[in-house]
Every structure is written in C-alpha cells, then in structure tokens.
Amino acid sequence: MEDAILYAACFDANAGIFEVLTDPSDVIISDELNHASIIDGIRLSKAKKMRFKHMDVGDLEEKLKENQGYLLVVPTPNFALKFSKD
C-alpha cells in the first residue's frame, strides 16, 4: 500500500473522505436521510451534489440516468437490506 488515510472517528471519516475521492467533474448522489456527518462531508467536496428520496430505487435510477461520468452513490446503511430480493 502506497497511500492511506486513517481517521480516528467515523464522523471525521465521513467529513473528510468525499473531498479526497472526488473532483469537480464528479457527481455524488446521496440518500436524503443520510447521517449529518455524511451530508457535511459531501458538502465539503467539490463534486456536483444530488439527493435521492429515502430508499427510493426509482428516484435513484432517475438521478443515475441524468448524470454521466464518475458517479458516487451514498445510500443509507440499510438500503441494500430493504431492496434485496431474498
């Protein structure tokens, strides 16, 4: 491993990770009810920011269709569980 970022707390990680992963040509699409630290971290990034309705796959699909390039989707932790078909 050549580079690493170590955060002492989840709040710090959420506040800092989006800025280092994205640039102005990127798009972050976030669940509207994500934790405040995630929302703050997204605000600090230079990427275009969009929100999709809480756990709404249809709204997320629309946002994905509207955008091209590097897309970072930030769902809530229980998003995958809610929409799994098992």
PDB file of N, CA and C in Angstrom:
ATOM      1  N   MET A   1       0.844  -1.158   0.000  1.00  0.00           N
ATOM      2  CA  MET A   1       0.000   0.000   0.000  1.00  0.00           C
ATOM      3  C   MET A   1       0.900   1.236   0.000  1.00  0.00           C
ATOM      4  N   GLU A   2       0.669   2.134  -0.953  1.00  0.00           N
ATOM      5  CA  GLU A   2       1.474   3.346  -1.046  1.00  0.00           C
ATOM      6  C   GLU A   2       0.898   4.496  -0.235  1.00  0.00           C
ATOM      7  N   ASP A   3      -0.406   4.634  -0.238  1.00  0.00           N
ATOM      8  CA  ASP A   3      -1.057   5.747   0.452  1.00  0.00           C
ATOM      9  C   ASP A   3      -2.189   5.226   1.323  1.00  0.00           C
ATOM     10  N   ALA A   4      -2.438   5.927   2.398  1.00  0.00           N
ATOM     11  CA  ALA A   4      -3.541   5.567   3.283  1.00  0.00           C
ATOM     12  C   ALA A   4      -4.022   6.811   4.011  1.00  0.00           C
ATOM     13  N   ILE A   5      -5.284   6.796   4.371  1.00  0.00           N
ATOM     14  CA  ILE A   5      -5.859   7.845   5.208  1.00  0.00           C
ATOM     15  C   ILE A   5      -6.449   7.141   6.419  1.00  0.00           C
ATOM     16  N   LEU A   6      -6.071   7.565   7.597  1.00  0.00           N
ATOM     17  CA  LEU A   6      -6.566   6.966   8.828  1.00  0.00           C
ATOM     18  C   LEU A   6      -7.344   8.018   9.606  1.00  0.00           C
ATOM     19  N   TYR A   7      -8.575   7.707   9.945  1.00  0.00           N
ATOM     20  CA  TYR A   7      -9.414   8.608  10.721  1.00  0.00           C
ATOM     21  C   TYR A   7      -9.669   7.993  12.089  1.00  0.00           C
ATOM     22  N   ALA A   8      -9.696   8.834  13.106  1.00  0.00           N
ATOM     23  CA  ALA A   8      -9.895   8.358  14.477  1.00  0.00           C
ATOM     24  C   ALA A   8     -11.363   8.059  14.783  1.00  0.00           C
ATOM     25  N   ALA A   9     -12.272   8.681  14.058  1.00  0.00           N
ATOM     26  CA  ALA A   9     -13.700   8.505  14.338  1.00  0.00           C
ATOM     27  C   ALA A   9     -14.485   8.492  13.029  1.00  0.00           C
ATOM     28  N   CYS A  10     -15.636   7.838  13.039  1.00  0.00           N
ATOM     29  CA  CYS A  10     -16.487   7.781  11.847  1.00  0.00           C
ATOM     30  C   CYS A  10     -16.912   9.171  11.387  1.00  0.00           C
ATOM     31  N   PHE A  11     -17.211  10.056  12.343  1.00  0.00           N
ATOM     32  CA  PHE A  11     -17.613  11.410  11.970  1.00  0.00           C
ATOM     33  C   PHE A  11     -16.516  12.080  11.157  1.00  0.00           C
ATOM     34  N   ASP A  12     -15.261  11.941  11.598  1.00  0.00           N
ATOM     35  CA  ASP A  12     -14.131  12.529  10.875  1.00  0.00           C
ATOM     36  C   ASP A  12     -13.977  11.900   9.492  1.00  0.00           C
ATOM     37  N   ALA A  13     -14.142  10.590   9.421  1.00  0.00           N
ATOM     38  CA  ALA A  13     -14.033   9.903   8.131  1.00  0.00           C
ATOM     39  C   ALA A  13     -15.106  10.392   7.166  1.00  0.00           C
ATOM     40  N   ASN A  14     -16.334  10.459   7.639  1.00  0.00           N
ATOM     41  CA  ASN A  14     -17.426  10.936   6.787  1.00  0.00           C
ATOM     42  C   ASN A  14     -17.195  12.369   6.340  1.00  0.00           C
ATOM     43  N   ALA A  15     -16.644  13.180   7.211  1.00  0.00           N
ATOM     44  CA  ALA A  15     -16.411  14.588   6.887  1.00  0.00           C
ATOM     45  C   ALA A  15     -15.260  14.770   5.906  1.00  0.00           C
ATOM     46  N   GLY A  16     -14.329  13.821   5.839  1.00  0.00           N
ATOM     47  CA  GLY A  16     -13.152  14.016   5.007  1.00  0.00           C
ATOM     48  C   GLY A  16     -13.035  13.162   3.765  1.00  0.00           C
ATOM     49  N   ILE A  17     -13.716  12.052   3.706  1.00  0.00           N
ATOM     50  CA  ILE A  17     -13.475  11.090   2.633  1.00  0.00           C
ATOM     51  C   ILE A  17     -13.966  11.553   1.263  1.00  0.00           C
ATOM     52  N   PHE A  18     -15.062  12.263   1.203  1.00  0.00           N
ATOM     53  CA  PHE A  18     -15.623  12.651  -0.095  1.00  0.00           C
ATOM     54  C   PHE A  18     -14.750  13.668  -0.817  1.00  0.00           C
ATOM     55  N   GLU A  19     -14.103  14.528  -0.061  1.00  0.00           N
ATOM     56  CA  GLU A  19     -13.240  15.541  -0.663  1.00  0.00           C
ATOM     57  C   GLU A  19     -12.045  14.903  -1.361  1.00  0.00           C
ATOM     58  N   VAL A  20     -11.488  13.850  -0.779  1.00  0.00           N
ATOM     59  CA  VAL A  20     -10.309  13.223  -1.384  1.00  0.00           C
ATOM     60  C   VAL A  20     -10.671  12.231  -2.491  1.00  0.00           C
ATOM     61  N   LEU A  21     -11.896  11.745  -2.520  1.00  0.00           N
ATOM     62  CA  LEU A  21     -12.303  10.776  -3.541  1.00  0.00           C
ATOM     63  C   LEU A  21     -12.873  11.411  -4.804  1.00  0.00           C
ATOM     64  N   THR A  22     -13.264  12.670  -4.735  1.00  0.00           N
ATOM     65  CA  THR A  22     -13.969  13.281  -5.862  1.00  0.00           C
ATOM     66  C   THR A  22     -13.317  14.584  -6.297  1.00  0.00           C
ATOM     67  N   ASP A  23     -13.687  15.015  -7.513  1.00  0.00           N
ATOM     68  CA  ASP A  23     -13.257  16.320  -8.015  1.00  0.00           C
ATOM     69  C   ASP A  23     -14.468  17.004  -8.665  1.00  0.00           C
ATOM     70  N   PRO A  24     -14.307  18.219  -9.178  1.00  0.00           N
ATOM     71  CA  PRO A  24     -15.466  18.968  -9.690  1.00  0.00           C
ATOM     72  C   PRO A  24     -16.223  18.303 -10.844  1.00  0.00           C
ATOM     73  N   SER A  25     -15.608  17.375 -11.544  1.00  0.00           N
ATOM     74  CA  SER A  25     -16.304  16.715 -12.658  1.00  0.00           C
ATOM     75  C   SER A  25     -17.123  15.502 -12.211  1.00  0.00           C
ATOM     76  N   ASP A  26     -17.065  15.159 -10.936  1.00  0.00           N
ATOM     77  CA  ASP A  26     -17.770  14.001 -10.394  1.00  0.00           C
ATOM     78  C   ASP A  26     -19.146  14.381  -9.852  1.00  0.00           C
ATOM     79  N   VAL A  27     -19.976  13.364  -9.628  1.00  0.00           N
ATOM     80  CA  VAL A  27     -21.313  13.564  -9.066  1.00  0.00           C
ATOM     81  C   VAL A  27     -21.486  12.630  -7.868  1.00  0.00           C
ATOM     82  N   ILE A  28     -21.934  13.180  -6.745  1.00  0.00           N
ATOM     83  CA  ILE A  28     -22.270  12.381  -5.568  1.00  0.00           C
ATOM     84  C   ILE A  28     -23.787  12.383  -5.433  1.00  0.00           C
ATOM     85  N   ILE A  29     -24.369  11.192  -5.412  1.00  0.00           N
ATOM     86  CA  ILE A  29     -25.815  11.046  -5.265  1.00  0.00           C
ATOM     87  C   ILE A  29     -26.064  10.375  -3.920  1.00  0.00           C
ATOM     88  N   SER A  30     -26.699  11.100  -3.017  1.00  0.00           N
ATOM     89  CA  SER A  30     -26.826  10.670  -1.627  1.00  0.00           C
ATOM     90  C   SER A  30     -28.287  10.505  -1.223  1.00  0.00           C
ATOM     91  N   ASP A  31     -28.541   9.520  -0.368  1.00  0.00           N
ATOM     92  CA  ASP A  31     -29.864   9.369   0.236  1.00  0.00           C
ATOM     93  C   ASP A  31     -30.166  10.632   1.045  1.00  0.00           C
ATOM     94  N   GLU A  32     -31.366  11.158   0.911  1.00  0.00           N
ATOM     95  CA  GLU A  32     -31.719  12.412   1.574  1.00  0.00           C
ATOM     96  C   GLU A  32     -31.692  12.323   3.097  1.00  0.00           C
ATOM     97  N   LEU A  33     -31.746  11.120   3.656  1.00  0.00           N
ATOM     98  CA  LEU A  33     -31.753  10.974   5.112  1.00  0.00           C
ATOM     99  C   LEU A  33     -30.441  10.409   5.661  1.00  0.00           C
ATOM    100  N   ASN A  34     -29.347  10.571   4.917  1.00  0.00           N
ATOM    101  CA  ASN A  34     -28.059  10.126   5.433  1.00  0.00           C
ATOM    102  C   ASN A  34     -27.691  10.903   6.687  1.00  0.00           C
ATOM    103  N   HIS A  35     -26.780  10.329   7.458  1.00  0.00           N
ATOM    104  CA  HIS A  35     -26.315  10.944   8.702  1.00  0.00           C
ATOM    105  C   HIS A  35     -25.723  12.329   8.422  1.00  0.00           C
ATOM    106  N   ALA A  36     -25.851  13.223   9.373  1.00  0.00           N
ATOM    107  CA  ALA A  36     -25.369  14.600   9.226  1.00  0.00           C
ATOM    108  C   ALA A  36     -23.892  14.664   8.862  1.00  0.00           C
ATOM    109  N   SER A  37     -23.072  13.771   9.385  1.00  0.00           N
ATOM    110  CA  SER A  37     -21.642  13.810   9.071  1.00  0.00           C
ATOM    111  C   SER A  37     -21.385  13.452   7.607  1.00  0.00           C
ATOM    112  N   ILE A  38     -22.203  12.571   7.041  1.00  0.00           N
ATOM    113  CA  ILE A  38     -22.075  12.245   5.621  1.00  0.00           C
ATOM    114  C   ILE A  38     -22.483  13.447   4.784  1.00  0.00           C
ATOM    115  N   ILE A  39     -23.582  14.074   5.147  1.00  0.00           N
ATOM    116  CA  ILE A  39     -24.049  15.259   4.421  1.00  0.00           C
ATOM    117  C   ILE A  39     -23.011  16.372   4.491  1.00  0.00           C
ATOM    118  N   ASP A  40     -22.419  16.593   5.661  1.00  0.00           N
ATOM    119  CA  ASP A  40     -21.371  17.608   5.797  1.00  0.00           C
ATOM    120  C   ASP A  40     -20.172  17.279   4.918  1.00  0.00           C
ATOM    121  N   GLY A  41     -19.773  16.013   4.901  1.00  0.00           N
ATOM    122  CA  GLY A  41     -18.643  15.609   4.071  1.00  0.00           C
ATOM    123  C   GLY A  41     -18.909  15.831   2.597  1.00  0.00           C
ATOM    124  N   ILE A  42     -20.103  15.518   2.157  1.00  0.00           N
ATOM    125  CA  ILE A  42     -20.467  15.733   0.758  1.00  0.00           C
ATOM    126  C   ILE A  42     -20.449  17.222   0.437  1.00  0.00           C
ATOM    127  N   ARG A  43     -20.940  18.041   1.337  1.00  0.00           N
ATOM    128  CA  ARG A  43     -20.939  19.498   1.123  1.00  0.00           C
ATOM    129  C   ARG A  43     -19.525  20.044   0.956  1.00  0.00           C
ATOM    130  N   LEU A  44     -18.554  19.458   1.653  1.00  0.00           N
ATOM    131  CA  LEU A  44     -17.170  19.927   1.574  1.00  0.00           C
ATOM    132  C   LEU A  44     -16.482  19.540   0.266  1.00  0.00           C
ATOM    133  N   SER A  45     -17.017  18.558  -0.435  1.00  0.00           N
ATOM    134  CA  SER A  45     -16.391  18.131  -1.688  1.00  0.00           C
ATOM    135  C   SER A  45     -16.694  19.135  -2.796  1.00  0.00           C
ATOM    136  N   LYS A  46     -15.891  19.059  -3.853  1.00  0.00           N
ATOM    137  CA  LYS A  46     -16.091  19.945  -5.000  1.00  0.00           C
ATOM    138  C   LYS A  46     -17.001  19.317  -6.057  1.00  0.00           C
ATOM    139  N   ALA A  47     -17.435  18.088  -5.819  1.00  0.00           N
ATOM    140  CA  ALA A  47     -18.290  17.378  -6.774  1.00  0.00           C
ATOM    141  C   ALA A  47     -19.688  17.988  -6.821  1.00  0.00           C
ATOM    142  N   LYS A  48     -20.391  17.717  -7.923  1.00  0.00           N
ATOM    143  CA  LYS A  48     -21.806  18.075  -8.012  1.00  0.00           C
ATOM    144  C   LYS A  48     -22.555  17.194  -7.022  1.00  0.00           C
ATOM    145  N   LYS A  49     -23.525  17.767  -6.317  1.00  0.00           N
ATOM    146  CA  LYS A  49     -24.251  17.038  -5.282  1.00  0.00           C
ATOM    147  C   LYS A  49     -25.716  16.878  -5.657  1.00  0.00           C
ATOM    148  N   MET A  50     -26.234  15.671  -5.453  1.00  0.00           N
ATOM    149  CA  MET A  50     -27.648  15.399  -5.684  1.00  0.00           C
ATOM    150  C   MET A  50     -28.148  14.496  -4.568  1.00  0.00           C
ATOM    151  N   ARG A  51     -29.431  14.574  -4.285  1.00  0.00           N
ATOM    152  CA  ARG A  51     -30.051  13.686  -3.299  1.00  0.00           C
ATOM    153  C   ARG A  51     -31.156  12.892  -3.971  1.00  0.00           C
ATOM    154  N   PHE A  52     -31.311  11.640  -3.525  1.00  0.00           N
ATOM    155  CA  PHE A  52     -32.471  10.866  -3.969  1.00  0.00           C
ATOM    156  C   PHE A  52     -33.364  10.614  -2.762  1.00  0.00           C
ATOM    157  N   LYS A  53     -34.652  10.419  -3.035  1.00  0.00           N
ATOM    158  CA  LYS A  53     -35.623  10.191  -1.962  1.00  0.00           C
ATOM    159  C   LYS A  53     -35.210   8.964  -1.154  1.00  0.00           C
ATOM    160  N   HIS A  54     -35.453   9.030   0.140  1.00  0.00           N
ATOM    161  CA  HIS A  54     -35.012   7.988   1.060  1.00  0.00           C
ATOM    162  C   HIS A  54     -35.406   6.589   0.594  1.00  0.00           C
ATOM    163  N   MET A  55     -34.400   5.784   0.323  1.00  0.00           N
ATOM    164  CA  MET A  55     -34.552   4.375  -0.055  1.00  0.00           C
ATOM    165  C   MET A  55     -35.462   4.170  -1.266  1.00  0.00           C
ATOM    166  N   ASP A  56     -35.488   5.123  -2.179  1.00  0.00           N
ATOM    167  CA  ASP A  56     -36.347   5.065  -3.358  1.00  0.00           C
ATOM    168  C   ASP A  56     -35.495   4.712  -4.583  1.00  0.00           C
ATOM    169  N   VAL A  57     -35.532   3.444  -4.976  1.00  0.00           N
ATOM    170  CA  VAL A  57     -34.718   2.975  -6.090  1.00  0.00           C
ATOM    171  C   VAL A  57     -35.089   3.686  -7.390  1.00  0.00           C
ATOM    172  N   GLY A  58     -36.366   3.934  -7.615  1.00  0.00           N
ATOM    173  CA  GLY A  58     -36.805   4.622  -8.822  1.00  0.00           C
ATOM    174  C   GLY A  58     -36.216   6.014  -8.930  1.00  0.00           C
ATOM    175  N   ASP A  59     -36.232   6.761  -7.836  1.00  0.00           N
ATOM    176  CA  ASP A  59     -35.660   8.107  -7.841  1.00  0.00           C
ATOM    177  C   ASP A  59     -34.150   8.042  -8.057  1.00  0.00           C
ATOM    178  N   LEU A  60     -33.492   7.073  -7.434  1.00  0.00           N
ATOM    179  CA  LEU A  60     -32.054   6.899  -7.635  1.00  0.00           C
ATOM    180  C   LEU A  60     -31.755   6.589  -9.097  1.00  0.00           C
ATOM    181  N   GLU A  61     -32.533   5.706  -9.713  1.00  0.00           N
ATOM    182  CA  GLU A  61     -32.328   5.376 -11.124  1.00  0.00           C
ATOM    183  C   GLU A  61     -32.450   6.613 -12.006  1.00  0.00           C
ATOM    184  N   GLU A  62     -33.423   7.476 -11.713  1.00  0.00           N
ATOM    185  CA  GLU A  62     -33.582   8.715 -12.481  1.00  0.00           C
ATOM    186  C   GLU A  62     -32.343   9.599 -12.358  1.00  0.00           C
ATOM    187  N   LYS A  63     -31.821   9.736 -11.150  1.00  0.00           N
ATOM    188  CA  LYS A  63     -30.621  10.556 -10.934  1.00  0.00           C
ATOM    189  C   LYS A  63     -29.427   9.964 -11.682  1.00  0.00           C
ATOM    190  N   LEU A  64     -29.325   8.639 -11.693  1.00  0.00           N
ATOM    191  CA  LEU A  64     -28.227   7.987 -12.409  1.00  0.00           C
ATOM    192  C   LEU A  64     -28.340   8.222 -13.912  1.00  0.00           C
ATOM    193  N   LYS A  65     -29.558   8.169 -14.451  1.00  0.00           N
ATOM    194  CA  LYS A  65     -29.770   8.402 -15.881  1.00  0.00           C
ATOM    195  C   LYS A  65     -29.459   9.840 -16.271  1.00  0.00           C
ATOM    196  N   GLU A  66     -29.701  10.787 -15.363  1.00  0.00           N
ATOM    197  CA  GLU A  66     -29.494  12.208 -15.639  1.00  0.00           C
ATOM    198  C   GLU A  66     -28.021  12.596 -15.661  1.00  0.00           C
ATOM    199  N   ASN A  67     -27.154  11.750 -15.147  1.00  0.00           N
ATOM    200  CA  ASN A  67     -25.750  12.106 -14.989  1.00  0.00           C
ATOM    201  C   ASN A  67     -24.851  11.073 -15.636  1.00  0.00           C
ATOM    202  N   GLN A  68     -23.669  11.550 -16.053  1.00  0.00           N
ATOM    203  CA  GLN A  68     -22.671  10.675 -16.653  1.00  0.00           C
ATOM    204  C   GLN A  68     -21.335  10.930 -15.982  1.00  0.00           C
ATOM    205  N   GLY A  69     -20.371  10.100 -16.295  1.00  0.00           N
ATOM    206  CA  GLY A  69     -19.047  10.260 -15.710  1.00  0.00           C
ATOM    207  C   GLY A  69     -18.932   9.480 -14.423  1.00  0.00           C
ATOM    208  N   TYR A  70     -18.046   9.933 -13.555  1.00  0.00           N
ATOM    209  CA  TYR A  70     -17.818   9.261 -12.278  1.00  0.00           C
ATOM    210  C   TYR A  70     -18.954   9.599 -11.331  1.00  0.00           C
ATOM    211  N   LEU A  71     -19.711   8.593 -10.934  1.00  0.00           N
ATOM    212  CA  LEU A  71     -20.838   8.764 -10.020  1.00  0.00           C
ATOM    213  C   LEU A  71     -20.548   8.008  -8.737  1.00  0.00           C
ATOM    214  N   LEU A  72     -20.761   8.655  -7.617  1.00  0.00           N
ATOM    215  CA  LEU A  72     -20.601   8.022  -6.313  1.00  0.00           C
ATOM    216  C   LEU A  72     -21.963   8.028  -5.637  1.00  0.00           C
ATOM    217  N   VAL A  73     -22.523   6.846  -5.404  1.00  0.00           N
ATOM    218  CA  VAL A  73     -23.825   6.724  -4.752  1.00  0.00           C
ATOM    219  C   VAL A  73     -23.591   6.431  -3.277  1.00  0.00           C
ATOM    220  N   VAL A  74     -24.250   7.216  -2.400  1.00  0.00           N
ATOM    221  CA  VAL A  74     -24.085   7.072  -0.954  1.00  0.00           C
ATOM    222  C   VAL A  74     -25.451   6.748  -0.347  1.00  0.00           C
ATOM    223  N   PRO A  75     -25.786   5.445  -0.257  1.00  0.00           N
ATOM    224  CA  PRO A  75     -27.072   5.062   0.338  1.00  0.00           C
ATOM    225  C   PRO A  75     -26.996   5.040   1.859  1.00  0.00           C
ATOM    226  N   THR A  76     -28.126   4.882   2.506  1.00  0.00           N
ATOM    227  CA  THR A  76     -28.125   4.650   3.950  1.00  0.00           C
ATOM    228  C   THR A  76     -27.672   3.213   4.179  1.00  0.00           C
ATOM    229  N   PRO A  77     -27.158   2.885   5.361  1.00  0.00           N
ATOM    230  CA  PRO A  77     -26.650   1.527   5.605  1.00  0.00           C
ATOM    231  C   PRO A  77     -27.672   0.413   5.386  1.00  0.00           C
ATOM    232  N   ASN A  78     -28.949   0.667   5.600  1.00  0.00           N
ATOM    233  CA  ASN A  78     -29.949  -0.397   5.448  1.00  0.00           C
ATOM    234  C   ASN A  78     -30.571  -0.439   4.056  1.00  0.00           C
ATOM    235  N   PHE A  79     -30.082   0.348   3.126  1.00  0.00           N
ATOM    236  CA  PHE A  79     -30.626   0.417   1.770  1.00  0.00           C
ATOM    237  C   PHE A  79     -30.585  -0.949   1.085  1.00  0.00           C
ATOM    238  N   ALA A  80     -29.461  -1.626   1.116  1.00  0.00           N
ATOM    239  CA  ALA A  80     -29.321  -2.919   0.437  1.00  0.00           C
ATOM    240  C   ALA A  80     -30.226  -3.974   1.065  1.00  0.00           C
ATOM    241  N   LEU A  81     -30.399  -3.920   2.357  1.00  0.00           N
ATOM    242  CA  LEU A  81     -31.258  -4.894   3.030  1.00  0.00           C
ATOM    243  C   LEU A  81     -32.716  -4.717   2.639  1.00  0.00           C
ATOM    244  N   LYS A  82     -33.153  -3.484   2.535  1.00  0.00           N
ATOM    245  CA  LYS A  82     -34.546  -3.181   2.223  1.00  0.00           C
ATOM    246  C   LYS A  82     -34.926  -3.663   0.822  1.00  0.00           C
ATOM    247  N   PHE A  83     -33.985  -3.549  -0.123  1.00  0.00           N
ATOM    248  CA  PHE A  83     -34.314  -3.842  -1.506  1.00  0.00           C
ATOM    249  C   PHE A  83     -33.751  -5.164  -2.014  1.00  0.00           C
ATOM    250  N   SER A  84     -33.221  -5.992  -1.134  1.00  0.00           N
ATOM    251  CA  SER A  84     -32.761  -7.307  -1.576  1.00  0.00           C
ATOM    252  C   SER A  84     -33.981  -8.172  -1.883  1.00  0.00           C
ATOM    253  N   LYS A  85     -33.822  -9.100  -2.799  1.00  0.00           N
ATOM    254  CA  LYS A  85     -34.950  -9.931  -3.226  1.00  0.00           C
ATOM    255  C   LYS A  85     -34.973 -11.268  -2.521  1.00  0.00           C
ATOM    256  N   ASP A  86     -34.150 -11.457  -1.520  1.00  0.00           N
ATOM    257  CA  ASP A  86     -34.096 -12.727  -0.785  1.00  0.00           C
ATOM    258  C   ASP A  86     -35.206 -12.839   0.219  1.00  0.00           C
TER     259      ASP A  86
END
